[in-house]
Amino acid sequence: MLAAAVSHAMRRVLVVLPPVTAVRCQLATAAAGLLVAGVVAYGVSLALVG
């Protein structure tokens, strides 16, 4: 749930940028959305585990 919320927030932040039409730009945007959610989930797991 947390990863989905962060990914959605990241997409909302990226929506203000110019349209992403090139395939290379679309892949970079998708990777950014996934990596940011992973980093947040990793940080939360570190905080909970110790």
Protein backbone atom coordinates (compact mmCIF):
# COMPACT_ATOMS: atom_id res chain seq x y z
CA MET A 1 0.00 0.00 0.00
CA LEU A 2 2.82 2.37 0.89
CA ALA A 3 4.66 1.65 -2.35
CA ALA A 4 1.51 2.33 -4.36
CA ALA A 5 0.95 5.62 -2.57
CA VAL A 6 4.52 6.77 -3.15
CA SER A 7 4.41 5.69 -6.79
CA HIS A 8 1.17 7.62 -7.29
CA ALA A 9 2.66 10.69 -5.61
CA MET A 10 5.73 10.45 -7.84
CA ARG A 11 3.55 10.34 -10.94
CA ARG A 12 1.62 13.38 -9.73
CA VAL A 13 4.92 15.24 -9.30
CA LEU A 14 6.09 14.23 -12.78
CA VAL A 15 2.80 15.31 -14.42
CA VAL A 16 3.92 18.96 -14.41
CA LEU A 17 6.81 18.14 -16.74
CA PRO A 18 6.42 18.33 -20.52
CA PRO A 19 4.75 15.32 -22.17
CA VAL A 20 6.92 12.23 -22.35
CA THR A 21 6.65 10.99 -25.92
CA ALA A 22 9.99 9.30 -26.62
CA VAL A 23 10.37 5.67 -25.54
CA ARG A 24 13.62 6.44 -23.74
CA CYS A 25 11.93 9.15 -21.68
CA GLN A 26 9.00 6.88 -20.86
CA LEU A 27 11.38 4.19 -19.58
CA ALA A 28 13.23 6.72 -17.44
CA THR A 29 9.97 7.99 -15.94
CA ALA A 30 8.77 4.45 -15.22
CA ALA A 31 12.08 3.55 -13.59
CA ALA A 32 11.99 6.67 -11.45
CA GLY A 33 8.47 5.85 -10.25
CA LEU A 34 9.48 2.33 -9.29
CA LEU A 35 12.82 3.18 -7.71
CA VAL A 36 11.46 5.95 -5.51
CA ALA A 37 8.81 3.61 -4.12
CA GLY A 38 11.45 0.96 -3.45
CA VAL A 39 13.70 3.38 -1.60
CA VAL A 40 10.84 4.54 0.62
CA ALA A 41 9.80 0.95 1.38
CA TYR A 42 13.41 0.09 2.20
CA GLY A 43 13.69 3.05 4.55
CA VAL A 44 10.46 2.16 6.32
CA SER A 45 11.58 -1.45 6.74
CA LEU A 46 14.88 -0.27 8.22
CA ALA A 47 13.04 1.98 10.64
CA LEU A 48 10.70 -0.81 11.74
CA VAL A 49 13.32 -3.55 12.04
CA GLY A 50 15.96 -1.49 13.66
